[in-house]
Full PDB file with SEQRES, HELIX, SHEET, SSBOND, CRYST1, ORIGX, SCALE, CONECT and MASTER records, all heavy atoms in Angstrom:
SEQRES   1 A   33  THR THR GLY GLU LYS ASP PHE GLU GLU PHE PHE THR ASP          
SEQRES   2 A   33  ASN GLU ASN LEU ASP MET GLU ARG PHE GLU THR VAL GLY          
SEQRES   3 A   33  ILE ILE LYS ASN GLN PRO ASN                                  
SHEET    1 AA1 2 ASN A  16  ASP A  18  0                                        
SHEET    2 AA1 2 ILE A  27  LYS A  29 -1                                        
CRYST1    1.000    1.000    1.000  90.00  90.00  90.00 P 1           1          
ORIGX1      1.000000  0.000000  0.000000        0.00000                         
ORIGX2      0.000000  1.000000  0.000000        0.00000                         
ORIGX3      0.000000  0.000000  1.000000        0.00000                         
SCALE1      1.000000  0.000000  0.000000        0.00000                         
SCALE2      0.000000  1.000000  0.000000        0.00000                         
SCALE3      0.000000  0.000000  1.000000        0.00000                         
ATOM      1  N   THR A   1      88.569  33.669  22.451  1.00  0.00           N  
ATOM      2  CA  THR A   1      88.799  32.598  23.425  1.00  0.00           C  
ATOM      3  C   THR A   1      87.498  32.174  24.062  1.00  0.00           C  
ATOM      4  O   THR A   1      86.503  32.886  24.072  1.00  0.00           O  
ATOM      5  CB  THR A   1      89.792  33.006  24.540  1.00  0.00           C  
ATOM      6  OG1 THR A   1      89.327  34.276  25.073  1.00  0.00           O  
ATOM      7  CG2 THR A   1      91.169  33.214  23.968  1.00  0.00           C  
ATOM      8  N   THR A   2      87.460  30.935  24.567  1.00  0.00           N  
ATOM      9  CA  THR A   2      86.277  30.323  25.220  1.00  0.00           C  
ATOM     10  C   THR A   2      85.831  31.188  26.402  1.00  0.00           C  
ATOM     11  O   THR A   2      86.582  31.645  27.209  1.00  0.00           O  
ATOM     12  CB  THR A   2      86.624  28.947  25.683  1.00  0.00           C  
ATOM     13  OG1 THR A   2      86.837  28.117  24.565  1.00  0.00           O  
ATOM     14  CG2 THR A   2      85.456  28.364  26.515  1.00  0.00           C  
ATOM     15  N   GLY A   3      84.511  31.395  26.435  1.00  0.00           N  
ATOM     16  CA  GLY A   3      83.919  31.972  27.639  1.00  0.00           C  
ATOM     17  C   GLY A   3      83.974  33.491  27.799  1.00  0.00           C  
ATOM     18  O   GLY A   3      83.661  34.008  28.819  1.00  0.00           O  
ATOM     19  N   GLU A   4      84.390  34.199  26.712  1.00  0.00           N  
ATOM     20  CA  GLU A   4      84.473  35.636  26.789  1.00  0.00           C  
ATOM     21  C   GLU A   4      83.142  36.272  26.416  1.00  0.00           C  
ATOM     22  O   GLU A   4      82.560  36.030  25.369  1.00  0.00           O  
ATOM     23  CB  GLU A   4      85.559  36.199  25.857  1.00  0.00           C  
ATOM     24  CG  GLU A   4      87.013  35.943  26.329  1.00  0.00           C  
ATOM     25  CD  GLU A   4      87.314  36.626  27.642  1.00  0.00           C  
ATOM     26  OE1 GLU A   4      86.575  37.561  28.028  1.00  0.00           O  
ATOM     27  OE2 GLU A   4      88.336  36.240  28.281  1.00  0.00           O  
ATOM     28  N   LYS A   5      82.634  37.057  27.327  1.00  0.00           N  
ATOM     29  CA  LYS A   5      81.352  37.713  27.141  1.00  0.00           C  
ATOM     30  C   LYS A   5      81.578  39.057  26.432  1.00  0.00           C  
ATOM     31  O   LYS A   5      82.509  39.786  26.743  1.00  0.00           O  
ATOM     32  CB  LYS A   5      80.644  37.911  28.534  1.00  0.00           C  
ATOM     33  CG  LYS A   5      79.155  37.908  28.544  1.00  0.00           C  
ATOM     34  CD  LYS A   5      78.659  37.880  29.969  1.00  0.00           C  
ATOM     35  CE  LYS A   5      77.173  37.747  30.050  1.00  0.00           C  
ATOM     36  NZ  LYS A   5      76.690  37.659  31.452  1.00  0.00           N  
ATOM     37  N   ASP A   6      80.620  39.392  25.557  1.00  0.00           N  
ATOM     38  CA  ASP A   6      80.809  40.656  24.807  1.00  0.00           C  
ATOM     39  C   ASP A   6      80.557  41.876  25.642  1.00  0.00           C  
ATOM     40  O   ASP A   6      80.965  42.959  25.320  1.00  0.00           O  
ATOM     41  CB  ASP A   6      79.875  40.663  23.555  1.00  0.00           C  
ATOM     42  CG  ASP A   6      80.205  39.541  22.616  1.00  0.00           C  
ATOM     43  OD1 ASP A   6      81.376  39.220  22.521  1.00  0.00           O  
ATOM     44  OD2 ASP A   6      79.264  39.080  21.954  1.00  0.00           O  
ATOM     45  N   PHE A   7      79.799  41.668  26.787  1.00  0.00           N  
ATOM     46  CA  PHE A   7      79.449  42.765  27.689  1.00  0.00           C  
ATOM     47  C   PHE A   7      79.368  42.279  29.051  1.00  0.00           C  
ATOM     48  O   PHE A   7      79.254  41.063  29.313  1.00  0.00           O  
ATOM     49  CB  PHE A   7      78.110  43.425  27.239  1.00  0.00           C  
ATOM     50  CG  PHE A   7      76.982  42.471  27.205  1.00  0.00           C  
ATOM     51  CD1 PHE A   7      76.145  42.349  28.312  1.00  0.00           C  
ATOM     52  CD2 PHE A   7      76.707  41.618  26.162  1.00  0.00           C  
ATOM     53  CE1 PHE A   7      75.104  41.481  28.340  1.00  0.00           C  
ATOM     54  CE2 PHE A   7      75.712  40.737  26.131  1.00  0.00           C  
ATOM     55  CZ  PHE A   7      74.862  40.650  27.252  1.00  0.00           C  
ATOM     56  N   GLU A   8      79.341  43.213  30.065  1.00  0.00           N  
ATOM     57  CA  GLU A   8      79.231  42.818  31.428  1.00  0.00           C  
ATOM     58  C   GLU A   8      77.890  43.253  31.970  1.00  0.00           C  
ATOM     59  O   GLU A   8      77.353  44.245  31.655  1.00  0.00           O  
ATOM     60  CB  GLU A   8      80.391  43.558  32.214  1.00  0.00           C  
ATOM     61  CG  GLU A   8      81.768  43.120  31.871  1.00  0.00           C  
ATOM     62  CD  GLU A   8      82.178  41.766  32.443  1.00  0.00           C  
ATOM     63  OE1 GLU A   8      81.721  40.768  31.854  1.00  0.00           O  
ATOM     64  OE2 GLU A   8      82.904  41.727  33.391  1.00  0.00           O  
ATOM     65  N   GLU A   9      77.401  42.433  32.891  1.00  0.00           N  
ATOM     66  CA  GLU A   9      76.099  42.708  33.575  1.00  0.00           C  
ATOM     67  C   GLU A   9      76.169  42.130  34.985  1.00  0.00           C  
ATOM     68  O   GLU A   9      76.834  41.126  35.205  1.00  0.00           O  
ATOM     69  CB  GLU A   9      74.939  42.112  32.817  1.00  0.00           C  
ATOM     70  CG  GLU A   9      75.074  40.623  32.537  1.00  0.00           C  
ATOM     71  CD  GLU A   9      74.003  40.109  31.552  1.00  0.00           C  
ATOM     72  OE1 GLU A   9      72.941  40.748  31.442  1.00  0.00           O  
ATOM     73  OE2 GLU A   9      74.236  39.102  30.930  1.00  0.00           O  
ATOM     74  N   PHE A  10      75.470  42.763  35.887  1.00  0.00           N  
ATOM     75  CA  PHE A  10      75.505  42.287  37.338  1.00  0.00           C  
ATOM     76  C   PHE A  10      74.205  41.632  37.732  1.00  0.00           C  
ATOM     77  O   PHE A  10      74.219  41.005  38.764  1.00  0.00           O  
ATOM     78  CB  PHE A  10      75.759  43.516  38.249  1.00  0.00           C  
ATOM     79  CG  PHE A  10      77.109  44.118  38.058  1.00  0.00           C  
ATOM     80  CD1 PHE A  10      77.355  45.209  37.246  1.00  0.00           C  
ATOM     81  CD2 PHE A  10      78.224  43.576  38.639  1.00  0.00           C  
ATOM     82  CE1 PHE A  10      78.551  45.786  37.119  1.00  0.00           C  
ATOM     83  CE2 PHE A  10      79.446  44.049  38.460  1.00  0.00           C  
ATOM     84  CZ  PHE A  10      79.657  45.208  37.715  1.00  0.00           C  
ATOM     85  N   PHE A  11      73.175  41.744  36.936  1.00  0.00           N  
ATOM     86  CA  PHE A  11      71.913  41.145  37.314  1.00  0.00           C  
ATOM     87  C   PHE A  11      71.136  40.815  36.015  1.00  0.00           C  
ATOM     88  O   PHE A  11      71.464  41.281  34.953  1.00  0.00           O  
ATOM     89  CB  PHE A  11      71.078  42.111  38.193  1.00  0.00           C  
ATOM     90  CG  PHE A  11      70.922  43.453  37.568  1.00  0.00           C  
ATOM     91  CD1 PHE A  11      69.908  43.784  36.695  1.00  0.00           C  
ATOM     92  CD2 PHE A  11      71.797  44.479  37.983  1.00  0.00           C  
ATOM     93  CE1 PHE A  11      69.797  45.075  36.093  1.00  0.00           C  
ATOM     94  CE2 PHE A  11      71.725  45.745  37.458  1.00  0.00           C  
ATOM     95  CZ  PHE A  11      70.690  46.060  36.503  1.00  0.00           C  
ATOM     96  N   THR A  12      70.187  39.945  36.180  1.00  0.00           N  
ATOM     97  CA  THR A  12      69.343  39.552  35.022  1.00  0.00           C  
ATOM     98  C   THR A  12      67.989  40.184  35.091  1.00  0.00           C  
ATOM     99  O   THR A  12      67.598  40.769  36.082  1.00  0.00           O  
ATOM    100  CB  THR A  12      69.158  37.975  35.024  1.00  0.00           C  
ATOM    101  OG1 THR A  12      68.476  37.567  36.185  1.00  0.00           O  
ATOM    102  CG2 THR A  12      70.528  37.312  35.053  1.00  0.00           C  
ATOM    103  N   ASP A  13      67.251  40.063  33.970  1.00  0.00           N  
ATOM    104  CA  ASP A  13      65.931  40.677  33.873  1.00  0.00           C  
ATOM    105  C   ASP A  13      64.961  40.154  34.896  1.00  0.00           C  
ATOM    106  O   ASP A  13      64.001  40.887  35.240  1.00  0.00           O  
ATOM    107  CB  ASP A  13      65.405  40.499  32.450  1.00  0.00           C  
ATOM    108  CG  ASP A  13      66.176  41.270  31.423  1.00  0.00           C  
ATOM    109  OD1 ASP A  13      66.908  42.218  31.810  1.00  0.00           O  
ATOM    110  OD2 ASP A  13      66.122  40.890  30.200  1.00  0.00           O  
ATOM    111  N   ASN A  14      65.116  38.963  35.315  1.00  0.00           N  
ATOM    112  CA  ASN A  14      64.119  38.341  36.223  1.00  0.00           C  
ATOM    113  C   ASN A  14      64.561  38.420  37.737  1.00  0.00           C  
ATOM    114  O   ASN A  14      63.966  37.777  38.575  1.00  0.00           O  
ATOM    115  CB  ASN A  14      63.851  36.855  35.863  1.00  0.00           C  
ATOM    116  CG  ASN A  14      65.092  36.027  35.893  1.00  0.00           C  
ATOM    117  OD1 ASN A  14      66.131  36.480  36.210  1.00  0.00           O  
ATOM    118  ND2 ASN A  14      64.911  34.740  35.557  1.00  0.00           N  
ATOM    119  N   GLU A  15      65.558  39.222  37.985  1.00  0.00           N  
ATOM    120  CA  GLU A  15      66.002  39.379  39.396  1.00  0.00           C  
ATOM    121  C   GLU A  15      65.431  40.710  39.989  1.00  0.00           C  
ATOM    122  O   GLU A  15      65.436  41.711  39.280  1.00  0.00           O  
ATOM    123  CB  GLU A  15      67.537  39.346  39.488  1.00  0.00           C  
ATOM    124  CG  GLU A  15      68.073  37.937  39.299  1.00  0.00           C  
ATOM    125  CD  GLU A  15      69.634  37.906  39.343  1.00  0.00           C  
ATOM    126  OE1 GLU A  15      70.278  38.807  38.809  1.00  0.00           O  
ATOM    127  OE2 GLU A  15      70.175  36.953  39.911  1.00  0.00           O  
ATOM    128  N   ASN A  16      64.946  40.677  41.172  1.00  0.00           N  
ATOM    129  CA  ASN A  16      64.341  41.856  41.813  1.00  0.00           C  
ATOM    130  C   ASN A  16      65.487  42.710  42.466  1.00  0.00           C  
ATOM    131  O   ASN A  16      66.317  42.163  43.173  1.00  0.00           O  
ATOM    132  CB  ASN A  16      63.331  41.433  42.907  1.00  0.00           C  
ATOM    133  CG  ASN A  16      62.131  40.737  42.272  1.00  0.00           C  
ATOM    134  OD1 ASN A  16      61.647  41.099  41.263  1.00  0.00           O  
ATOM    135  ND2 ASN A  16      61.689  39.640  42.915  1.00  0.00           N  
ATOM    136  N   LEU A  17      65.379  44.005  42.221  1.00  0.00           N  
ATOM    137  CA  LEU A  17      66.439  44.868  42.704  1.00  0.00           C  
ATOM    138  C   LEU A  17      65.994  45.906  43.715  1.00  0.00           C  
ATOM    139  O   LEU A  17      64.842  46.396  43.625  1.00  0.00           O  
ATOM    140  CB  LEU A  17      67.048  45.634  41.476  1.00  0.00           C  
ATOM    141  CG  LEU A  17      67.544  44.813  40.312  1.00  0.00           C  
ATOM    142  CD1 LEU A  17      68.107  45.729  39.212  1.00  0.00           C  
ATOM    143  CD2 LEU A  17      68.601  43.808  40.710  1.00  0.00           C  
ATOM    144  N   ASP A  18      66.862  46.229  44.610  1.00  0.00           N  
ATOM    145  CA  ASP A  18      66.687  47.383  45.488  1.00  0.00           C  
ATOM    146  C   ASP A  18      67.747  48.352  45.165  1.00  0.00           C  
ATOM    147  O   ASP A  18      68.933  48.158  45.491  1.00  0.00           O  
ATOM    148  CB  ASP A  18      66.774  46.940  46.999  1.00  0.00           C  
ATOM    149  CG  ASP A  18      66.703  48.143  47.918  1.00  0.00           C  
ATOM    150  OD1 ASP A  18      66.635  49.293  47.473  1.00  0.00           O  
ATOM    151  OD2 ASP A  18      66.713  47.902  49.170  1.00  0.00           O  
ATOM    152  N   MET A  19      67.427  49.468  44.511  1.00  0.00           N  
ATOM    153  CA  MET A  19      68.372  50.482  44.095  1.00  0.00           C  
ATOM    154  C   MET A  19      68.311  51.765  44.992  1.00  0.00           C  
ATOM    155  O   MET A  19      68.883  52.741  44.652  1.00  0.00           O  
ATOM    156  CB  MET A  19      68.132  50.883  42.636  1.00  0.00           C  
ATOM    157  CG  MET A  19      68.170  49.693  41.712  1.00  0.00           C  
ATOM    158  SD  MET A  19      69.857  48.922  41.524  1.00  0.00           S  
ATOM    159  CE  MET A  19      70.667  50.146  40.495  1.00  0.00           C  
ATOM    160  N   GLU A  20      67.547  51.671  46.096  1.00  0.00           N  
ATOM    161  CA  GLU A  20      67.343  52.856  46.918  1.00  0.00           C  
ATOM    162  C   GLU A  20      68.079  52.819  48.246  1.00  0.00           C  
ATOM    163  O   GLU A  20      68.362  53.885  48.790  1.00  0.00           O  
ATOM    164  CB  GLU A  20      65.828  52.953  47.187  1.00  0.00           C  
ATOM    165  CG  GLU A  20      64.939  53.007  45.952  1.00  0.00           C  
ATOM    166  CD  GLU A  20      65.323  54.193  45.063  1.00  0.00           C  
ATOM    167  OE1 GLU A  20      65.634  55.270  45.613  1.00  0.00           O  
ATOM    168  OE2 GLU A  20      65.221  54.014  43.819  1.00  0.00           O  
ATOM    169  N   ARG A  21      68.390  51.669  48.769  1.00  0.00           N  
ATOM    170  CA  ARG A  21      68.984  51.611  50.116  1.00  0.00           C  
ATOM    171  C   ARG A  21      70.306  52.335  50.212  1.00  0.00           C  
ATOM    172  O   ARG A  21      70.566  53.006  51.201  1.00  0.00           O  
ATOM    173  CB  ARG A  21      69.115  50.143  50.555  1.00  0.00           C  
ATOM    174  CG  ARG A  21      69.615  50.059  52.028  1.00  0.00           C  
ATOM    175  CD  ARG A  21      69.688  48.640  52.495  1.00  0.00           C  
ATOM    176  NE  ARG A  21      70.299  48.555  53.839  1.00  0.00           N  
ATOM    177  CZ  ARG A  21      70.774  47.479  54.349  1.00  0.00           C  
ATOM    178  NH1 ARG A  21      70.694  46.282  53.740  1.00  0.00           N  
ATOM    179  NH2 ARG A  21      71.294  47.526  55.608  1.00  0.00           N  
ATOM    180  N   PHE A  22      71.177  52.138  49.198  1.00  0.00           N  
ATOM    181  CA  PHE A  22      72.505  52.756  49.197  1.00  0.00           C  
ATOM    182  C   PHE A  22      72.676  53.673  48.005  1.00  0.00           C  
ATOM    183  O   PHE A  22      72.038  53.454  46.982  1.00  0.00           O  
ATOM    184  CB  PHE A  22      73.566  51.658  49.199  1.00  0.00           C  
ATOM    185  CG  PHE A  22      73.572  50.719  50.357  1.00  0.00           C  
ATOM    186  CD1 PHE A  22      73.043  49.468  50.242  1.00  0.00           C  
ATOM    187  CD2 PHE A  22      74.009  51.173  51.587  1.00  0.00           C  
ATOM    188  CE1 PHE A  22      73.032  48.596  51.359  1.00  0.00           C  
ATOM    189  CE2 PHE A  22      74.051  50.331  52.676  1.00  0.00           C  
ATOM    190  CZ  PHE A  22      73.508  49.013  52.540  1.00  0.00           C  
ATOM    191  N   GLU A  23      73.544  54.617  48.151  1.00  0.00           N  
ATOM    192  CA  GLU A  23      73.829  55.567  47.049  1.00  0.00           C  
ATOM    193  C   GLU A  23      74.627  54.898  45.942  1.00  0.00           C  
ATOM    194  O   GLU A  23      74.369  55.160  44.751  1.00  0.00           O  
ATOM    195  CB  GLU A  23      74.578  56.794  47.574  1.00  0.00           C  
ATOM    196  CG  GLU A  23      74.850  57.847  46.502  1.00  0.00           C  
ATOM    197  CD  GLU A  23      75.638  59.008  47.000  1.00  0.00           C  
ATOM    198  OE1 GLU A  23      75.709  59.153  48.283  1.00  0.00           O  
ATOM    199  OE2 GLU A  23      76.133  59.742  46.203  1.00  0.00           O  
ATOM    200  N   THR A  24      75.552  54.020  46.303  1.00  0.00           N  
ATOM    201  CA  THR A  24      76.531  53.516  45.309  1.00  0.00           C  
ATOM    202  C   THR A  24      76.392  52.016  45.078  1.00  0.00           C  
ATOM    203  O   THR A  24      77.146  51.468  44.252  1.00  0.00           O  
ATOM    204  CB  THR A  24      77.959  53.843  45.779  1.00  0.00           C  
ATOM    205  OG1 THR A  24      78.206  53.172  47.052  1.00  0.00           O  
ATOM    206  CG2 THR A  24      78.177  55.314  45.897  1.00  0.00           C  
ATOM    207  N   VAL A  25      75.525  51.360  45.820  1.00  0.00           N  
ATOM    208  CA  VAL A  25      75.421  49.897  45.753  1.00  0.00           C  
ATOM    209  C   VAL A  25      73.965  49.535  45.462  1.00  0.00           C  
ATOM    210  O   VAL A  25      73.022  50.033  46.062  1.00  0.00           O  
ATOM    211  CB  VAL A  25      75.831  49.215  47.055  1.00  0.00           C  
ATOM    212  CG1 VAL A  25      75.644  47.751  47.050  1.00  0.00           C  
ATOM    213  CG2 VAL A  25      77.302  49.585  47.393  1.00  0.00           C  
ATOM    214  N   GLY A  26      73.757  48.602  44.515  1.00  0.00           N  
ATOM    215  CA  GLY A  26      72.488  47.985  44.265  1.00  0.00           C  
ATOM    216  C   GLY A  26      72.454  46.632  44.952  1.00  0.00           C  
ATOM    217  O   GLY A  26      73.452  46.039  45.326  1.00  0.00           O  
ATOM    218  N   ILE A  27      71.257  46.142  45.182  1.00  0.00           N  
ATOM    219  CA  ILE A  27      71.022  44.874  45.871  1.00  0.00           C  
ATOM    220  C   ILE A  27      70.067  44.009  45.074  1.00  0.00           C  
ATOM    221  O   ILE A  27      68.916  44.463  44.683  1.00  0.00           O  
ATOM    222  CB  ILE A  27      70.453  45.081  47.280  1.00  0.00           C  
ATOM    223  CG1 ILE A  27      71.350  46.040  48.097  1.00  0.00           C  
ATOM    224  CG2 ILE A  27      70.355  43.716  48.030  1.00  0.00           C  
ATOM    225  CD1 ILE A  27      70.715  46.418  49.396  1.00  0.00           C  
ATOM    226  N   ILE A  28      70.429  42.770  44.811  1.00  0.00           N  
ATOM    227  CA  ILE A  28      69.513  41.730  44.257  1.00  0.00           C  
ATOM    228  C   ILE A  28      68.831  41.070  45.485  1.00  0.00           C  
ATOM    229  O   ILE A  28      69.481  40.558  46.382  1.00  0.00           O  
ATOM    230  CB  ILE A  28      70.296  40.720  43.450  1.00  0.00           C  
ATOM    231  CG1 ILE A  28      71.011  41.361  42.298  1.00  0.00           C  
ATOM    232  CG2 ILE A  28      69.271  39.631  42.959  1.00  0.00           C  
ATOM    233  CD1 ILE A  28      72.037  40.442  41.601  1.00  0.00           C  
ATOM    234  N   LYS A  29      67.493  41.197  45.523  1.00  0.00           N  
ATOM    235  CA  LYS A  29      66.708  40.650  46.623  1.00  0.00           C  
ATOM    236  C   LYS A  29      66.194  39.291  46.203  1.00  0.00           C  
ATOM    237  O   LYS A  29      65.341  39.164  45.291  1.00  0.00           O  
ATOM    238  CB  LYS A  29      65.553  41.570  46.966  1.00  0.00           C  
ATOM    239  CG  LYS A  29      66.021  43.020  47.267  1.00  0.00           C  
ATOM    240  CD  LYS A  29      66.835  43.093  48.484  1.00  0.00           C  
ATOM    241  CE  LYS A  29      66.036  42.748  49.767  1.00  0.00           C  
ATOM    242  NZ  LYS A  29      66.865  42.985  51.026  1.00  0.00           N  
ATOM    243  N   ASN A  30      66.679  38.281  46.831  1.00  0.00           N  
ATOM    244  CA  ASN A  30      66.300  36.875  46.417  1.00  0.00           C  
ATOM    245  C   ASN A  30      65.329  36.242  47.381  1.00  0.00           C  
ATOM    246  O   ASN A  30      65.288  36.493  48.595  1.00  0.00           O  
ATOM    247  CB  ASN A  30      67.584  35.990  46.439  1.00  0.00           C  
ATOM    248  CG  ASN A  30      68.544  36.356  45.309  1.00  0.00           C  
ATOM    249  OD1 ASN A  30      68.242  36.123  44.126  1.00  0.00           O  
ATOM    250  ND2 ASN A  30      69.663  36.882  45.601  1.00  0.00           N  
ATOM    251  N   GLN A  31      64.506  35.392  46.807  1.00  0.00           N  
ATOM    252  CA  GLN A  31      63.642  34.457  47.549  1.00  0.00           C  
ATOM    253  C   GLN A  31      64.307  33.129  47.521  1.00  0.00           C  
ATOM    254  O   GLN A  31      65.114  32.799  46.624  1.00  0.00           O  
ATOM    255  CB  GLN A  31      62.225  34.385  46.926  1.00  0.00           C  
ATOM    256  CG  GLN A  31      61.449  35.681  46.988  1.00  0.00           C  
ATOM    257  CD  GLN A  31      61.239  36.147  48.434  1.00  0.00           C  
ATOM    258  OE1 GLN A  31      60.895  35.337  49.295  1.00  0.00           O  
ATOM    259  NE2 GLN A  31      61.453  37.401  48.700  1.00  0.00           N  
ATOM    260  N   PRO A  32      64.079  32.285  48.525  1.00  0.00           N  
ATOM    261  CA  PRO A  32      64.765  30.999  48.582  1.00  0.00           C  
ATOM    262  C   PRO A  32      64.170  29.993  47.582  1.00  0.00           C  
ATOM    263  O   PRO A  32      63.586  28.957  47.945  1.00  0.00           O  
ATOM    264  CB  PRO A  32      64.545  30.565  50.026  1.00  0.00           C  
ATOM    265  CG  PRO A  32      63.224  31.203  50.430  1.00  0.00           C  
ATOM    266  CD  PRO A  32      63.247  32.533  49.749  1.00  0.00           C  
ATOM    267  N   ASN A  33      64.300  30.331  46.317  1.00  0.00           N  
ATOM    268  CA  ASN A  33      63.769  29.510  45.256  1.00  0.00           C  
ATOM    269  C   ASN A  33      64.870  28.501  44.770  1.00  0.00           C  
ATOM    270  O   ASN A  33      65.890  28.926  44.289  1.00  0.00           O  
ATOM    271  CB  ASN A  33      63.269  30.325  44.069  1.00  0.00           C  
ATOM    272  CG  ASN A  33      62.160  31.302  44.500  1.00  0.00           C  
ATOM    273  OD1 ASN A  33      61.270  30.903  45.297  1.00  0.00           O  
ATOM    274  ND2 ASN A  33      62.107  32.465  43.890  1.00  0.00           N  
TER     275      ASN A  33                                                      
MASTER        0    0    0    0    2    0    0    6  274    1    0    3          
END                                                                             
């Protein structure tokens, strides 16, 4: 069917991440681009 992705992902390679603040939650840190 249309639009089915073969795998799941929550962020892209060019997004900056904070994986330290929380034990179970990651954060994408965005600039106002």
